[in-house]
Amino acid sequence: MRNRVTLHIAGESYVMLSDETETYMQELAAMVDGKISEAKKIPGVSTMQAAVLAACNIADDYYKSVQAADNLRSQMKNYLEEASMLRRELADAQKLLDELTEPEGKAGKGGRR
């Protein structure tokens, strides 16, 4: 269901339609407003320039987050592959141990001669 939300960013009101909750949208607006306000502290920076700086900072945060998530996925894949290899090695070792500890009469048909 689409929600109609009024957001206040940099002294302006924006009506947005979103599938997200109003709370989530308000949190996004507060973050964007905060980034713009931070950029406007620089002497001589207009609201438009502050918005562009804020957009660049948000994009930077986004790309760093994507890269971090990709790195975590890669680590997880490596850990899962390593765990799989170790499970196979454990199964092979358990099989060998079972063969070595099996009573001699069951070691093979006919046993040793």
PDB file of N, CA and C in Angstrom:
ATOM      1  N   MET A   1       0.842  -1.174   0.000  1.00  0.00           N
ATOM      2  CA  MET A   1       0.000   0.000   0.000  1.00  0.00           C
ATOM      3  C   MET A   1       0.891   1.243   0.000  1.00  0.00           C
ATOM      4  N   ARG A   2       0.603   2.149  -0.847  1.00  0.00           N
ATOM      5  CA  ARG A   2       1.386   3.382  -0.948  1.00  0.00           C
ATOM      6  C   ARG A   2       0.966   4.353   0.138  1.00  0.00           C
ATOM      7  N   ASN A   3       1.975   4.923   0.777  1.00  0.00           N
ATOM      8  CA  ASN A   3       1.733   5.917   1.818  1.00  0.00           C
ATOM      9  C   ASN A   3       2.068   7.303   1.277  1.00  0.00           C
ATOM     10  N   ARG A   4       1.212   8.236   1.585  1.00  0.00           N
ATOM     11  CA  ARG A   4       1.436   9.643   1.216  1.00  0.00           C
ATOM     12  C   ARG A   4       2.035  10.315   2.445  1.00  0.00           C
ATOM     13  N   VAL A   5       3.276  10.831   2.279  1.00  0.00           N
ATOM     14  CA  VAL A   5       4.015  11.376   3.416  1.00  0.00           C
ATOM     15  C   VAL A   5       4.523  12.767   3.061  1.00  0.00           C
ATOM     16  N   THR A   6       4.369  13.706   3.984  1.00  0.00           N
ATOM     17  CA  THR A   6       4.944  15.042   3.813  1.00  0.00           C
ATOM     18  C   THR A   6       6.261  15.083   4.560  1.00  0.00           C
ATOM     19  N   LEU A   7       7.337  15.388   3.823  1.00  0.00           N
ATOM     20  CA  LEU A   7       8.676  15.442   4.395  1.00  0.00           C
ATOM     21  C   LEU A   7       9.171  16.879   4.383  1.00  0.00           C
ATOM     22  N   HIS A   8       9.942  17.235   5.394  1.00  0.00           N
ATOM     23  CA  HIS A   8      10.500  18.580   5.496  1.00  0.00           C
ATOM     24  C   HIS A   8      12.015  18.474   5.407  1.00  0.00           C
ATOM     25  N   ILE A   9      12.559  19.028   4.318  1.00  0.00           N
ATOM     26  CA  ILE A   9      13.995  18.969   4.064  1.00  0.00           C
ATOM     27  C   ILE A   9      14.465  20.355   3.657  1.00  0.00           C
ATOM     28  N   ALA A  10      15.477  20.872   4.365  1.00  0.00           N
ATOM     29  CA  ALA A  10      16.096  22.167   4.058  1.00  0.00           C
ATOM     30  C   ALA A  10      15.059  23.289   3.958  1.00  0.00           C
ATOM     31  N   GLY A  11      14.107  23.282   4.879  1.00  0.00           N
ATOM     32  CA  GLY A  11      13.108  24.343   4.920  1.00  0.00           C
ATOM     33  C   GLY A  11      12.000  24.224   3.891  1.00  0.00           C
ATOM     34  N   GLU A  12      11.972  23.170   3.137  1.00  0.00           N
ATOM     35  CA  GLU A  12      10.941  22.946   2.116  1.00  0.00           C
ATOM     36  C   GLU A  12      10.118  21.717   2.487  1.00  0.00           C
ATOM     37  N   SER A  13       8.874  21.699   2.032  1.00  0.00           N
ATOM     38  CA  SER A  13       8.005  20.539   2.244  1.00  0.00           C
ATOM     39  C   SER A  13       7.860  19.779   0.940  1.00  0.00           C
ATOM     40  N   TYR A  14       7.919  18.463   1.045  1.00  0.00           N
ATOM     41  CA  TYR A  14       7.803  17.590  -0.125  1.00  0.00           C
ATOM     42  C   TYR A  14       6.788  16.501   0.194  1.00  0.00           C
ATOM     43  N   VAL A  15       5.807  16.329  -0.698  1.00  0.00           N
ATOM     44  CA  VAL A  15       4.836  15.255  -0.541  1.00  0.00           C
ATOM     45  C   VAL A  15       5.337  14.085  -1.380  1.00  0.00           C
ATOM     46  N   MET A  16       5.505  12.954  -0.729  1.00  0.00           N
ATOM     47  CA  MET A  16       6.034  11.762  -1.392  1.00  0.00           C
ATOM     48  C   MET A  16       5.035  10.619  -1.261  1.00  0.00           C
ATOM     49  N   LEU A  17       5.020   9.767  -2.256  1.00  0.00           N
ATOM     50  CA  LEU A  17       4.285   8.508  -2.202  1.00  0.00           C
ATOM     51  C   LEU A  17       5.320   7.402  -2.085  1.00  0.00           C
ATOM     52  N   SER A  18       5.112   6.497  -1.130  1.00  0.00           N
ATOM     53  CA  SER A  18       6.089   5.440  -0.905  1.00  0.00           C
ATOM     54  C   SER A  18       5.417   4.188  -0.378  1.00  0.00           C
ATOM     55  N   ASP A  19       6.041   3.064  -0.657  1.00  0.00           N
ATOM     56  CA  ASP A  19       5.588   1.802  -0.081  1.00  0.00           C
ATOM     57  C   ASP A  19       6.143   1.624   1.334  1.00  0.00           C
ATOM     58  N   GLU A  20       7.092   2.477   1.710  1.00  0.00           N
ATOM     59  CA  GLU A  20       7.695   2.412   3.038  1.00  0.00           C
ATOM     60  C   GLU A  20       6.782   3.086   4.054  1.00  0.00           C
ATOM     61  N   THR A  21       7.057   2.824   5.325  1.00  0.00           N
ATOM     62  CA  THR A  21       6.251   3.437   6.386  1.00  0.00           C
ATOM     63  C   THR A  21       6.578   4.922   6.505  1.00  0.00           C
ATOM     64  N   GLU A  22       5.652   5.653   7.092  1.00  0.00           N
ATOM     65  CA  GLU A  22       5.876   7.079   7.297  1.00  0.00           C
ATOM     66  C   GLU A  22       7.086   7.302   8.206  1.00  0.00           C
ATOM     67  N   THR A  23       7.233   6.488   9.223  1.00  0.00           N
ATOM     68  CA  THR A  23       8.368   6.614  10.143  1.00  0.00           C
ATOM     69  C   THR A  23       9.685   6.467   9.400  1.00  0.00           C
ATOM     70  N   TYR A  24       9.769   5.477   8.548  1.00  0.00           N
ATOM     71  CA  TYR A  24      10.986   5.257   7.772  1.00  0.00           C
ATOM     72  C   TYR A  24      11.280   6.457   6.879  1.00  0.00           C
ATOM     73  N   MET A  25      10.267   6.944   6.199  1.00  0.00           N
ATOM     74  CA  MET A  25      10.448   8.094   5.305  1.00  0.00           C
ATOM     75  C   MET A  25      10.865   9.335   6.086  1.00  0.00           C
ATOM     76  N   GLN A  26      10.293   9.543   7.275  1.00  0.00           N
ATOM     77  CA  GLN A  26      10.668  10.686   8.108  1.00  0.00           C
ATOM     78  C   GLN A  26      12.129  10.560   8.562  1.00  0.00           C
ATOM     79  N   GLU A  27      12.557   9.330   8.858  1.00  0.00           N
ATOM     80  CA  GLU A  27      13.954   9.119   9.243  1.00  0.00           C
ATOM     81  C   GLU A  27      14.891   9.443   8.085  1.00  0.00           C
ATOM     82  N   LEU A  28      14.519   9.035   6.876  1.00  0.00           N
ATOM     83  CA  LEU A  28      15.332   9.372   5.696  1.00  0.00           C
ATOM     84  C   LEU A  28      15.412  10.887   5.514  1.00  0.00           C
ATOM     85  N   ALA A  29      14.260  11.540   5.628  1.00  0.00           N
ATOM     86  CA  ALA A  29      14.219  12.999   5.453  1.00  0.00           C
ATOM     87  C   ALA A  29      15.085  13.689   6.497  1.00  0.00           C
ATOM     88  N   ALA A  30      15.048  13.207   7.730  1.00  0.00           N
ATOM     89  CA  ALA A  30      15.858  13.800   8.793  1.00  0.00           C
ATOM     90  C   ALA A  30      17.348  13.630   8.489  1.00  0.00           C
ATOM     91  N   MET A  31      17.721  12.486   7.960  1.00  0.00           N
ATOM     92  CA  MET A  31      19.122  12.246   7.616  1.00  0.00           C
ATOM     93  C   MET A  31      19.562  13.178   6.488  1.00  0.00           C
ATOM     94  N   VAL A  32      18.743  13.301   5.442  1.00  0.00           N
ATOM     95  CA  VAL A  32      19.063  14.191   4.320  1.00  0.00           C
ATOM     96  C   VAL A  32      19.118  15.644   4.800  1.00  0.00           C
ATOM     97  N   ASP A  33      18.139  16.039   5.598  1.00  0.00           N
ATOM     98  CA  ASP A  33      18.114  17.398   6.129  1.00  0.00           C
ATOM     99  C   ASP A  33      19.367  17.679   6.960  1.00  0.00           C
ATOM    100  N   GLY A  34      19.768  16.706   7.751  1.00  0.00           N
ATOM    101  CA  GLY A  34      20.972  16.855   8.570  1.00  0.00           C
ATOM    102  C   GLY A  34      22.225  17.010   7.723  1.00  0.00           C
ATOM    103  N   LYS A  35      22.322  16.234   6.646  1.00  0.00           N
ATOM    104  CA  LYS A  35      23.486  16.332   5.747  1.00  0.00           C
ATOM    105  C   LYS A  35      23.517  17.699   5.057  1.00  0.00           C
ATOM    106  N   ILE A  36      22.357  18.184   4.656  1.00  0.00           N
ATOM    107  CA  ILE A  36      22.294  19.510   4.008  1.00  0.00           C
ATOM    108  C   ILE A  36      22.661  20.598   5.015  1.00  0.00           C
ATOM    109  N   SER A  37      22.119  20.505   6.223  1.00  0.00           N
ATOM    110  CA  SER A  37      22.427  21.498   7.258  1.00  0.00           C
ATOM    111  C   SER A  37      23.917  21.520   7.571  1.00  0.00           C
ATOM    112  N   GLU A  38      24.509  20.357   7.612  1.00  0.00           N
ATOM    113  CA  GLU A  38      25.950  20.257   7.863  1.00  0.00           C
ATOM    114  C   GLU A  38      26.742  20.961   6.755  1.00  0.00           C
ATOM    115  N   ALA A  39      26.354  20.727   5.505  1.00  0.00           N
ATOM    116  CA  ALA A  39      27.042  21.344   4.367  1.00  0.00           C
ATOM    117  C   ALA A  39      26.828  22.859   4.337  1.00  0.00           C
ATOM    118  N   LYS A  40      25.664  23.320   4.804  1.00  0.00           N
ATOM    119  CA  LYS A  40      25.368  24.760   4.789  1.00  0.00           C
ATOM    120  C   LYS A  40      26.201  25.543   5.814  1.00  0.00           C
ATOM    121  N   LYS A  41      26.853  24.839   6.724  1.00  0.00           N
ATOM    122  CA  LYS A  41      27.715  25.504   7.701  1.00  0.00           C
ATOM    123  C   LYS A  41      28.975  26.060   7.042  1.00  0.00           C
ATOM    124  N   ILE A  42      29.291  25.573   5.863  1.00  0.00           N
ATOM    125  CA  ILE A  42      30.462  26.067   5.134  1.00  0.00           C
ATOM    126  C   ILE A  42      30.124  27.460   4.606  1.00  0.00           C
ATOM    127  N   PRO A  43      30.942  28.448   4.924  1.00  0.00           N
ATOM    128  CA  PRO A  43      30.638  29.823   4.487  1.00  0.00           C
ATOM    129  C   PRO A  43      30.486  29.924   2.961  1.00  0.00           C
ATOM    130  N   GLY A  44      29.439  30.644   2.539  1.00  0.00           N
ATOM    131  CA  GLY A  44      29.217  30.906   1.125  1.00  0.00           C
ATOM    132  C   GLY A  44      28.535  29.788   0.358  1.00  0.00           C
ATOM    133  N   VAL A  45      28.164  28.702   1.014  1.00  0.00           N
ATOM    134  CA  VAL A  45      27.521  27.573   0.329  1.00  0.00           C
ATOM    135  C   VAL A  45      26.010  27.821   0.270  1.00  0.00           C
ATOM    136  N   SER A  46      25.480  27.779  -0.944  1.00  0.00           N
ATOM    137  CA  SER A  46      24.038  27.957  -1.130  1.00  0.00           C
ATOM    138  C   SER A  46      23.308  26.656  -0.782  1.00  0.00           C
ATOM    139  N   THR A  47      21.989  26.761  -0.701  1.00  0.00           N
ATOM    140  CA  THR A  47      21.194  25.564  -0.422  1.00  0.00           C
ATOM    141  C   THR A  47      21.382  24.526  -1.519  1.00  0.00           C
ATOM    142  N   MET A  48      21.435  24.971  -2.781  1.00  0.00           N
ATOM    143  CA  MET A  48      21.629  24.033  -3.890  1.00  0.00           C
ATOM    144  C   MET A  48      22.992  23.347  -3.775  1.00  0.00           C
ATOM    145  N   GLN A  49      24.023  24.116  -3.485  1.00  0.00           N
ATOM    146  CA  GLN A  49      25.356  23.527  -3.332  1.00  0.00           C
ATOM    147  C   GLN A  49      25.387  22.567  -2.143  1.00  0.00           C
ATOM    148  N   ALA A  50      24.715  22.949  -1.068  1.00  0.00           N
ATOM    149  CA  ALA A  50      24.648  22.073   0.107  1.00  0.00           C
ATOM    150  C   ALA A  50      23.929  20.775  -0.225  1.00  0.00           C
ATOM    151  N   ALA A  51      22.871  20.870  -1.038  1.00  0.00           N
ATOM    152  CA  ALA A  51      22.134  19.663  -1.445  1.00  0.00           C
ATOM    153  C   ALA A  51      23.024  18.751  -2.283  1.00  0.00           C
ATOM    154  N   VAL A  52      23.822  19.339  -3.176  1.00  0.00           N
ATOM    155  CA  VAL A  52      24.728  18.539  -4.007  1.00  0.00           C
ATOM    156  C   VAL A  52      25.804  17.896  -3.130  1.00  0.00           C
ATOM    157  N   LEU A  53      26.373  18.660  -2.199  1.00  0.00           N
ATOM    158  CA  LEU A  53      27.370  18.093  -1.285  1.00  0.00           C
ATOM    159  C   LEU A  53      26.764  16.969  -0.447  1.00  0.00           C
ATOM    160  N   ALA A  54      25.547  17.188   0.027  1.00  0.00           N
ATOM    161  CA  ALA A  54      24.862  16.156   0.816  1.00  0.00           C
ATOM    162  C   ALA A  54      24.638  14.907  -0.035  1.00  0.00           C
ATOM    163  N   ALA A  55      24.221  15.098  -1.284  1.00  0.00           N
ATOM    164  CA  ALA A  55      24.005  13.957  -2.181  1.00  0.00           C
ATOM    165  C   ALA A  55      25.309  13.192  -2.402  1.00  0.00           C
ATOM    166  N   CYS A  56      26.410  13.925  -2.576  1.00  0.00           N
ATOM    167  CA  CYS A  56      27.712  13.265  -2.753  1.00  0.00           C
ATOM    168  C   CYS A  56      28.108  12.485  -1.502  1.00  0.00           C
ATOM    169  N   ASN A  57      27.875  13.071  -0.327  1.00  0.00           N
ATOM    170  CA  ASN A  57      28.191  12.362   0.919  1.00  0.00           C
ATOM    171  C   ASN A  57      27.328  11.120   1.100  1.00  0.00           C
ATOM    172  N   ILE A  58      26.057  11.230   0.761  1.00  0.00           N
ATOM    173  CA  ILE A  58      25.149  10.085   0.875  1.00  0.00           C
ATOM    174  C   ILE A  58      25.553   9.000  -0.126  1.00  0.00           C
ATOM    175  N   ALA A  59      25.909   9.400  -1.350  1.00  0.00           N
ATOM    176  CA  ALA A  59      26.352   8.433  -2.350  1.00  0.00           C
ATOM    177  C   ALA A  59      27.635   7.739  -1.891  1.00  0.00           C
ATOM    178  N   ASP A  60      28.544   8.510  -1.300  1.00  0.00           N
ATOM    179  CA  ASP A  60      29.786   7.934  -0.779  1.00  0.00           C
ATOM    180  C   ASP A  60      29.483   6.896   0.304  1.00  0.00           C
ATOM    181  N   ASP A  61      28.603   7.252   1.233  1.00  0.00           N
ATOM    182  CA  ASP A  61      28.207   6.307   2.284  1.00  0.00           C
ATOM    183  C   ASP A  61      27.584   5.053   1.682  1.00  0.00           C
ATOM    184  N   TYR A  62      26.733   5.243   0.666  1.00  0.00           N
ATOM    185  CA  TYR A  62      26.063   4.119   0.012  1.00  0.00           C
ATOM    186  C   TYR A  62      27.080   3.179  -0.628  1.00  0.00           C
ATOM    187  N   TYR A  63      27.998   3.737  -1.430  1.00  0.00           N
ATOM    188  CA  TYR A  63      28.973   2.887  -2.117  1.00  0.00           C
ATOM    189  C   TYR A  63      29.891   2.172  -1.131  1.00  0.00           C
ATOM    190  N   LYS A  64      30.264   2.839  -0.045  1.00  0.00           N
ATOM    191  CA  LYS A  64      31.080   2.185   0.975  1.00  0.00           C
ATOM    192  C   LYS A  64      30.306   1.052   1.637  1.00  0.00           C
ATOM    193  N   SER A  65      29.010   1.243   1.849  1.00  0.00           N
ATOM    194  CA  SER A  65      28.171   0.194   2.439  1.00  0.00           C
ATOM    195  C   SER A  65      28.035  -0.992   1.497  1.00  0.00           C
ATOM    196  N   VAL A  66      27.848  -0.707   0.215  1.00  0.00           N
ATOM    197  CA  VAL A  66      27.750  -1.788  -0.786  1.00  0.00           C
ATOM    198  C   VAL A  66      29.052  -2.576  -0.826  1.00  0.00           C
ATOM    199  N   GLN A  67      30.175  -1.862  -0.823  1.00  0.00           N
ATOM    200  CA  GLN A  67      31.476  -2.529  -0.851  1.00  0.00           C
ATOM    201  C   GLN A  67      31.672  -3.384   0.406  1.00  0.00           C
ATOM    202  N   ALA A  68      31.304  -2.854   1.551  1.00  0.00           N
ATOM    203  CA  ALA A  68      31.432  -3.610   2.796  1.00  0.00           C
ATOM    204  C   ALA A  68      30.542  -4.863   2.762  1.00  0.00           C
ATOM    205  N   ALA A  69      29.317  -4.726   2.241  1.00  0.00           N
ATOM    206  CA  ALA A  69      28.416  -5.877   2.136  1.00  0.00           C
ATOM    207  C   ALA A  69      28.984  -6.917   1.177  1.00  0.00           C
ATOM    208  N   ASP A  70      29.551  -6.468   0.054  1.00  0.00           N
ATOM    209  CA  ASP A  70      30.178  -7.392  -0.896  1.00  0.00           C
ATOM    210  C   ASP A  70      31.347  -8.126  -0.249  1.00  0.00           C
ATOM    211  N   ASN A  71      32.153  -7.397   0.522  1.00  0.00           N
ATOM    212  CA  ASN A  71      33.280  -8.027   1.213  1.00  0.00           C
ATOM    213  C   ASN A  71      32.804  -9.062   2.215  1.00  0.00           C
ATOM    214  N   LEU A  72      31.725  -8.746   2.945  1.00  0.00           N
ATOM    215  CA  LEU A  72      31.173  -9.710   3.904  1.00  0.00           C
ATOM    216  C   LEU A  72      30.630 -10.952   3.203  1.00  0.00           C
ATOM    217  N   ARG A  73      29.943 -10.737   2.061  1.00  0.00           N
ATOM    218  CA  ARG A  73      29.440 -11.888   1.297  1.00  0.00           C
ATOM    219  C   ARG A  73      30.593 -12.768   0.833  1.00  0.00           C
ATOM    220  N   SER A  74      31.669 -12.151   0.377  1.00  0.00           N
ATOM    221  CA  SER A  74      32.834 -12.900  -0.080  1.00  0.00           C
ATOM    222  C   SER A  74      33.456 -13.682   1.072  1.00  0.00           C
ATOM    223  N   GLN A  75      33.581 -13.047   2.223  1.00  0.00           N
ATOM    224  CA  GLN A  75      34.110 -13.734   3.401  1.00  0.00           C
ATOM    225  C   GLN A  75      33.226 -14.909   3.785  1.00  0.00           C
ATOM    226  N   MET A  76      31.918 -14.684   3.787  1.00  0.00           N
ATOM    227  CA  MET A  76      30.973 -15.756   4.131  1.00  0.00           C
ATOM    228  C   MET A  76      31.119 -16.924   3.163  1.00  0.00           C
ATOM    229  N   LYS A  77      31.244 -16.625   1.877  1.00  0.00           N
ATOM    230  CA  LYS A  77      31.400 -17.678   0.868  1.00  0.00           C
ATOM    231  C   LYS A  77      32.670 -18.475   1.148  1.00  0.00           C
ATOM    232  N   ASN A  78      33.768 -17.767   1.443  1.00  0.00           N
ATOM    233  CA  ASN A  78      35.021 -18.456   1.740  1.00  0.00           C
ATOM    234  C   ASN A  78      34.895 -19.319   2.989  1.00  0.00           C
ATOM    235  N   TYR A  79      34.230 -18.791   4.036  1.00  0.00           N
ATOM    236  CA  TYR A  79      34.057 -19.555   5.262  1.00  0.00           C
ATOM    237  C   TYR A  79      33.193 -20.794   5.020  1.00  0.00           C
ATOM    238  N   LEU A  80      32.149 -20.644   4.216  1.00  0.00           N
ATOM    239  CA  LEU A  80      31.284 -21.790   3.921  1.00  0.00           C
ATOM    240  C   LEU A  80      32.026 -22.854   3.119  1.00  0.00           C
ATOM    241  N   GLU A  81      32.846 -22.416   2.147  1.00  0.00           N
ATOM    242  CA  GLU A  81      33.646 -23.377   1.369  1.00  0.00           C
ATOM    243  C   GLU A  81      34.641 -24.095   2.267  1.00  0.00           C
ATOM    244  N   GLU A  82      35.278 -23.351   3.172  1.00  0.00           N
ATOM    245  CA  GLU A  82      36.245 -23.944   4.093  1.00  0.00           C
ATOM    246  C   GLU A  82      35.546 -24.929   5.027  1.00  0.00           C
ATOM    247  N   ALA A  83      34.384 -24.563   5.539  1.00  0.00           N
ATOM    248  CA  ALA A  83      33.630 -25.454   6.427  1.00  0.00           C
ATOM    249  C   ALA A  83      33.230 -26.730   5.696  1.00  0.00           C
ATOM    250  N   SER A  84      32.834 -26.607   4.440  1.00  0.00           N
ATOM    251  CA  SER A  84      32.458 -27.776   3.644  1.00  0.00           C
ATOM    252  C   SER A  84      33.659 -28.700   3.454  1.00  0.00           C
ATOM    253  N   MET A  85      34.812 -28.109   3.145  1.00  0.00           N
ATOM    254  CA  MET A  85      36.027 -28.897   2.964  1.00  0.00           C
ATOM    255  C   MET A  85      36.400 -29.601   4.280  1.00  0.00           C
ATOM    256  N   LEU A  86      36.291 -28.895   5.387  1.00  0.00           N
ATOM    257  CA  LEU A  86      36.621 -29.494   6.680  1.00  0.00           C
ATOM    258  C   LEU A  86      35.647 -30.614   7.048  1.00  0.00           C
ATOM    259  N   ARG A  87      34.370 -30.454   6.689  1.00  0.00           N
ATOM    260  CA  ARG A  87      33.399 -31.537   6.941  1.00  0.00           C
ATOM    261  C   ARG A  87      33.767 -32.793   6.146  1.00  0.00           C
ATOM    262  N   ARG A  88      34.184 -32.582   4.877  1.00  0.00           N
ATOM    263  CA  ARG A  88      34.601 -33.739   4.063  1.00  0.00           C
ATOM    264  C   ARG A  88      35.837 -34.395   4.661  1.00  0.00           C
ATOM    265  N   GLU A  89      36.804 -33.587   5.084  1.00  0.00           N
ATOM    266  CA  GLU A  89      38.013 -34.139   5.694  1.00  0.00           C
ATOM    267  C   GLU A  89      37.683 -34.890   6.975  1.00  0.00           C
ATOM    268  N   LEU A  90      36.767 -34.349   7.773  1.00  0.00           N
ATOM    269  CA  LEU A  90      36.358 -35.018   9.002  1.00  0.00           C
ATOM    270  C   LEU A  90      35.680 -36.350   8.695  1.00  0.00           C
ATOM    271  N   ALA A  91      34.816 -36.359   7.697  1.00  0.00           N
ATOM    272  CA  ALA A  91      34.132 -37.602   7.317  1.00  0.00           C
ATOM    273  C   ALA A  91      35.149 -38.634   6.839  1.00  0.00           C
ATOM    274  N   ASP A  92      36.125 -38.211   6.052  1.00  0.00           N
ATOM    275  CA  ASP A  92      37.163 -39.129   5.572  1.00  0.00           C
ATOM    276  C   ASP A  92      37.988 -39.662   6.742  1.00  0.00           C
ATOM    277  N   ALA A  93      38.337 -38.779   7.678  1.00  0.00           N
ATOM    278  CA  ALA A  93      39.117 -39.199   8.839  1.00  0.00           C
ATOM    279  C   ALA A  93      38.312 -40.161   9.707  1.00  0.00           C
ATOM    280  N   GLN A  94      37.008 -39.893   9.874  1.00  0.00           N
ATOM    281  CA  GLN A  94      36.153 -40.771  10.679  1.00  0.00           C
ATOM    282  C   GLN A  94      36.049 -42.146  10.020  1.00  0.00           C
ATOM    283  N   LYS A  95      35.937 -42.162   8.704  1.00  0.00           N
ATOM    284  CA  LYS A  95      35.851 -43.434   7.967  1.00  0.00           C
ATOM    285  C   LYS A  95      37.142 -44.226   8.143  1.00  0.00           C
ATOM    286  N   LEU A  96      38.284 -43.547   8.037  1.00  0.00           N
ATOM    287  CA  LEU A  96      39.576 -44.208   8.211  1.00  0.00           C
ATOM    288  C   LEU A  96      39.716 -44.723   9.636  1.00  0.00           C
ATOM    289  N   LEU A  97      39.305 -43.921  10.616  1.00  0.00           N
ATOM    290  CA  LEU A  97      39.364 -44.345  12.008  1.00  0.00           C
ATOM    291  C   LEU A  97      38.492 -45.571  12.231  1.00  0.00           C
ATOM    292  N   ASP A  98      37.293 -45.577  11.658  1.00  0.00           N
ATOM    293  CA  ASP A  98      36.397 -46.729  11.793  1.00  0.00           C
ATOM    294  C   ASP A  98      37.028 -47.978  11.191  1.00  0.00           C
ATOM    295  N   GLU A  99      37.690 -47.835  10.045  1.00  0.00           N
ATOM    296  CA  GLU A  99      38.346 -48.977   9.392  1.00  0.00           C
ATOM    297  C   GLU A  99      39.493 -49.504  10.244  1.00  0.00           C
ATOM    298  N   LEU A 100      40.254 -48.580  10.851  1.00  0.00           N
ATOM    299  CA  LEU A 100      41.407 -48.987  11.644  1.00  0.00           C
ATOM    300  C   LEU A 100      41.014 -49.595  12.980  1.00  0.00           C
ATOM    301  N   THR A 101      39.872 -49.230  13.509  1.00  0.00           N
ATOM    302  CA  THR A 101      39.447 -49.745  14.816  1.00  0.00           C
ATOM    303  C   THR A 101      38.445 -50.883  14.706  1.00  0.00           C
ATOM    304  N   GLU A 102      38.097 -51.276  13.492  1.00  0.00           N
ATOM    305  CA  GLU A 102      37.152 -52.359  13.269  1.00  0.00           C
ATOM    306  C   GLU A 102      37.808 -53.679  13.671  1.00  0.00           C
ATOM    307  N   PRO A 103      37.072 -54.544  14.353  1.00  0.00           N
ATOM    308  CA  PRO A 103      37.655 -55.854  14.710  1.00  0.00           C
ATOM    309  C   PRO A 103      38.159 -56.566  13.456  1.00  0.00           C
ATOM    310  N   GLU A 104      39.255 -57.350  13.614  1.00  0.00           N
ATOM    311  CA  GLU A 104      39.925 -57.972  12.469  1.00  0.00           C
ATOM    312  C   GLU A 104      39.004 -58.897  11.690  1.00  0.00           C
ATOM    313  N   GLY A 105      38.107 -59.561  12.326  1.00  0.00           N
ATOM    314  CA  GLY A 105      37.211 -60.493  11.636  1.00  0.00           C
ATOM    315  C   GLY A 105      36.262 -59.786  10.703  1.00  0.00           C
ATOM    316  N   LYS A 106      35.990 -58.510  10.945  1.00  0.00           N
ATOM    317  CA  LYS A 106      35.058 -57.765  10.100  1.00  0.00           C
ATOM    318  C   LYS A 106      35.805 -56.929   9.084  1.00  0.00           C
ATOM    319  N   ALA A 107      37.122 -56.968   9.075  1.00  0.00           N
ATOM    320  CA  ALA A 107      37.914 -56.113   8.196  1.00  0.00           C
ATOM    321  C   ALA A 107      37.660 -56.434   6.732  1.00  0.00           C
ATOM    322  N   GLY A 108      37.334 -57.626   6.443  1.00  0.00           N
ATOM    323  CA  GLY A 108      37.040 -57.993   5.064  1.00  0.00           C
ATOM    324  C   GLY A 108      36.631 -59.443   5.052  1.00  0.00           C
ATOM    325  N   LYS A 109      35.987 -59.900   4.028  1.00  0.00           N
ATOM    326  CA  LYS A 109      35.536 -61.279   3.967  1.00  0.00           C
ATOM    327  C   LYS A 109      36.762 -62.194   3.886  1.00  0.00           C
ATOM    328  N   GLY A 110      36.786 -63.161   4.691  1.00  0.00           N
ATOM    329  CA  GLY A 110      37.890 -64.106   4.708  1.00  0.00           C
ATOM    330  C   GLY A 110      39.007 -63.654   5.624  1.00  0.00           C
ATOM    331  N   GLY A 111      39.088 -62.404   5.963  1.00  0.00           N
ATOM    332  CA  GLY A 111      40.133 -61.932   6.860  1.00  0.00           C
ATOM    333  C   GLY A 111      41.510 -62.139   6.275  1.00  0.00           C
ATOM    334  N   ARG A 112      42.561 -62.132   7.152  1.00  0.00           N
ATOM    335  CA  ARG A 112      43.951 -62.348   6.721  1.00  0.00           C
ATOM    336  C   ARG A 112      44.277 -63.836   6.731  1.00  0.00           C
ATOM    337  N   ARG A 113      45.224 -64.198   5.917  1.00  0.00           N
ATOM    338  CA  ARG A 113      45.617 -65.598   5.883  1.00  0.00           C
ATOM    339  C   ARG A 113      47.026 -65.741   6.318  1.00  0.00           C
TER     340      ARG A 113
END
